[in-house]
Amino acid sequence: MTQAQRDLDPMWIKSFSEKTCPLCRDVGIMPAHYRHTTGWITLWLEHAQLFLSTEERYAAALRSWTYDRVVMGIADESYWGTISTAHQLSLWEEDLTYQEPGHSKSGHPALFRPSDVPRVFAAAAVPPRHIFARKFETSYECDAAIARALAPNRSFPSLVAGRMLARRHTHAV
């Protein structure tokens, strides 16, 4: 169902208003504002500031959010897009990141290990080799492997952060 179809479907509108988010209307979130988006996002600074400044306003409404078979919207996959739309912020769905294929049953990537670094960095198509891994092995070896892969790329913000992370793991033993 497209957004335009949802906006005109009385059953969907009723389900969103009464079941999915019964308190949304009270804070100005209308059914037409609903957007199903990923939980993995990047915000512009202005958008992030807006979310922070309105967090308490929407907290109770979003806590009332429940799953409904008609809307089929999970709060963490809808919150950012819905609030952005309610505030008339632009949304882009650009995927600038290489992501490993997910597990056949869950869709979630497996644990990212040091041995994955050469293959994943080679597959990353967009400089400065943006990658997404859901779960990192928390070890000095993993941090060091990523830092070594990033070292030749001078556009990366700083390798110092990688060294600090590696030091933290070294001292945490």
Protein backbone atom coordinates (compact mmCIF):
# COMPACT_ATOMS: atom_id res chain seq x y z
CA MET A 1 0.00 0.00 0.00
CA THR A 2 1.43 3.37 -1.01
CA GLN A 3 1.40 6.45 1.22
CA ALA A 4 -1.35 7.98 -0.94
CA GLN A 5 -3.48 4.84 -0.58
CA ARG A 6 -2.95 4.79 3.20
CA ASP A 7 -3.94 8.43 3.49
CA LEU A 8 -7.34 7.59 1.94
CA ASP A 9 -8.00 4.22 3.60
CA PRO A 10 -10.48 4.64 6.47
CA MET A 11 -9.59 1.29 8.06
CA TRP A 12 -5.85 2.13 8.08
CA ILE A 13 -6.49 5.62 9.49
CA LYS A 14 -8.75 4.23 12.23
CA SER A 15 -6.25 1.50 13.10
CA PHE A 16 -3.35 3.97 13.36
CA SER A 17 -5.40 6.42 15.44
CA GLU A 18 -6.99 3.90 17.81
CA LYS A 19 -4.56 0.98 18.03
CA THR A 20 -1.06 1.79 16.80
CA CYS A 21 -0.62 5.19 18.42
CA PRO A 22 -3.72 6.28 20.35
CA LEU A 23 -1.96 9.29 21.88
CA CYS A 24 -0.32 10.56 18.68
CA ARG A 25 -3.16 12.88 17.68
CA ASP A 26 -2.86 14.64 21.07
CA VAL A 27 0.67 15.79 20.18
CA GLY A 28 -0.03 16.62 16.54
CA ILE A 29 1.06 13.37 14.89
CA MET A 30 -1.61 12.48 12.36
CA PRO A 31 -2.01 9.22 10.43
CA ALA A 32 -0.82 11.00 7.27
CA HIS A 33 2.52 11.72 9.01
CA TYR A 34 3.29 8.00 9.39
CA ARG A 35 6.38 6.82 7.52
CA HIS A 36 7.93 3.38 7.76
CA THR A 37 11.67 3.97 7.80
CA THR A 38 14.74 2.16 8.92
CA GLY A 39 15.96 2.42 12.48
CA TRP A 40 19.49 3.08 11.13
CA ILE A 41 19.61 6.71 10.09
CA THR A 42 21.81 9.76 9.77
CA LEU A 43 20.35 13.09 10.83
CA TRP A 44 21.31 16.58 9.77
CA LEU A 45 22.31 18.64 12.81
CA GLU A 46 19.17 20.80 12.56
CA HIS A 47 16.98 17.69 12.50
CA ALA A 48 18.81 16.16 15.47
CA GLN A 49 18.33 19.38 17.44
CA LEU A 50 14.62 19.33 16.65
CA PHE A 51 14.33 15.72 17.85
CA LEU A 52 16.11 16.57 21.08
CA SER A 53 14.00 19.66 21.71
CA THR A 54 10.70 17.80 21.14
CA GLU A 55 11.60 14.47 22.73
CA GLU A 56 9.56 15.00 25.90
CA ARG A 57 6.58 16.28 23.92
CA TYR A 58 6.31 12.99 22.02
CA ALA A 59 7.52 10.57 24.72
CA ALA A 60 4.13 9.49 26.10
CA ALA A 61 2.59 9.12 22.65
CA LEU A 62 5.45 6.98 21.40
CA ARG A 63 5.36 4.84 24.55
CA SER A 64 1.71 4.11 23.72
CA TRP A 65 2.74 2.81 20.27
CA THR A 66 1.74 -0.82 19.73
CA TYR A 67 1.98 -3.22 16.83
CA ASP A 68 -1.19 -3.63 14.81
CA ARG A 69 -1.72 -6.02 11.90
CA VAL A 70 -3.32 -3.31 9.74
CA VAL A 71 -0.64 -0.64 10.15
CA MET A 72 2.23 -3.12 10.63
CA GLY A 73 4.48 -0.36 11.96
CA ILE A 74 7.09 -0.88 14.63
CA ALA A 75 7.97 2.26 16.59
CA ASP A 76 11.75 2.06 16.07
CA GLU A 77 11.18 1.66 12.32
CA SER A 78 8.74 4.54 12.13
CA TYR A 79 9.66 7.13 14.77
CA TRP A 80 12.22 9.19 12.83
CA GLY A 81 10.30 9.30 9.57
CA THR A 82 6.98 10.02 11.24
CA ILE A 83 8.32 12.85 13.41
CA SER A 84 10.24 14.27 10.44
CA THR A 85 7.09 14.26 8.32
CA ALA A 86 5.06 15.84 11.14
CA HIS A 87 7.60 18.70 11.13
CA GLN A 88 7.74 18.85 7.31
CA LEU A 89 11.41 17.87 7.21
CA SER A 90 12.77 16.33 4.03
CA LEU A 91 13.59 12.62 4.03
CA TRP A 92 16.08 10.93 1.75
CA GLU A 93 16.50 7.22 1.39
CA GLU A 94 20.04 7.12 0.08
CA ASP A 95 22.05 4.07 0.95
CA LEU A 96 25.68 5.12 0.77
CA THR A 97 26.89 2.15 2.72
CA TYR A 98 27.95 -1.36 1.86
CA GLN A 99 26.21 -3.83 4.15
CA GLU A 100 26.77 -7.54 4.36
CA PRO A 101 23.79 -9.68 3.37
CA GLY A 102 21.70 -10.59 6.38
CA HIS A 103 21.10 -13.98 7.90
CA SER A 104 18.56 -15.96 5.88
CA LYS A 105 16.08 -16.12 8.78
CA SER A 106 16.59 -12.90 10.76
CA GLY A 107 18.07 -10.59 8.13
CA HIS A 108 20.64 -9.41 10.69
CA PRO A 109 24.31 -9.48 9.69
CA ALA A 110 26.57 -11.86 11.53
CA LEU A 111 29.27 -10.77 13.95
CA PHE A 112 31.88 -8.60 12.20
CA ARG A 113 35.36 -10.02 12.81
CA PRO A 114 38.90 -8.86 11.91
CA SER A 115 39.04 -11.43 9.10
CA ASP A 116 36.05 -9.67 7.45
CA VAL A 117 37.84 -6.33 7.09
CA PRO A 118 39.71 -6.90 3.77
CA ARG A 119 36.69 -8.39 2.01
CA VAL A 120 34.15 -5.86 3.30
CA PHE A 121 36.37 -2.84 2.68
CA ALA A 122 37.03 -4.05 -0.87
CA ALA A 123 33.29 -4.35 -1.44
CA ALA A 124 32.53 -0.88 -0.10
CA ALA A 125 31.86 1.15 -3.22
CA VAL A 126 31.65 4.67 -1.83
CA PRO A 127 34.81 6.44 -0.62
CA PRO A 128 35.78 6.79 2.16
CA ARG A 129 34.65 3.19 2.27
CA HIS A 130 31.58 3.54 4.44
CA ILE A 131 30.48 0.21 5.86
CA PHE A 132 27.75 -0.87 8.19
CA ALA A 133 28.11 -3.74 10.59
CA ARG A 134 25.51 -4.39 13.23
CA LYS A 135 27.68 -6.28 15.69
CA PHE A 136 31.43 -5.82 16.07
CA GLU A 137 33.67 -8.21 17.88
CA THR A 138 34.85 -6.14 20.84
CA SER A 139 38.53 -6.79 20.71
CA TYR A 140 41.75 -4.93 20.12
CA GLU A 141 42.27 -7.07 17.01
CA CYS A 142 39.01 -5.92 15.43
CA ASP A 143 39.72 -2.25 16.23
CA ALA A 144 43.26 -2.55 14.89
CA ALA A 145 42.13 -4.29 11.67
CA ILE A 146 39.62 -1.52 10.96
CA ALA A 147 42.16 1.20 11.81
CA ARG A 148 44.74 -0.39 9.45
CA ALA A 149 42.18 -0.54 6.64
CA LEU A 150 41.31 3.13 7.17
CA ALA A 151 44.90 4.38 7.48
CA PRO A 152 45.52 4.97 3.73
CA ASN A 153 42.32 6.97 3.45
CA ARG A 154 43.19 10.50 4.54
CA SER A 155 39.59 11.69 4.27
CA PHE A 156 38.65 9.66 7.34
CA PRO A 157 38.15 12.10 10.23
CA SER A 158 40.91 10.73 12.44
CA LEU A 159 42.81 7.58 13.12
CA VAL A 160 43.39 8.86 16.64
CA ALA A 161 39.89 7.70 17.62
CA GLY A 162 40.81 4.18 16.50
CA ARG A 163 44.00 4.27 18.56
CA MET A 164 42.11 5.48 21.63
CA LEU A 165 39.57 2.69 21.20
CA ALA A 166 42.36 0.16 20.82
CA ARG A 167 44.04 1.47 23.98
CA ARG A 168 40.78 1.18 25.88
CA HIS A 169 40.52 -2.50 24.92
CA THR A 170 44.15 -3.09 25.85
CA HIS A 171 43.64 -1.66 29.33
CA ALA A 172 40.27 -3.31 29.84
CA VAL A 173 41.83 -6.79 30.05
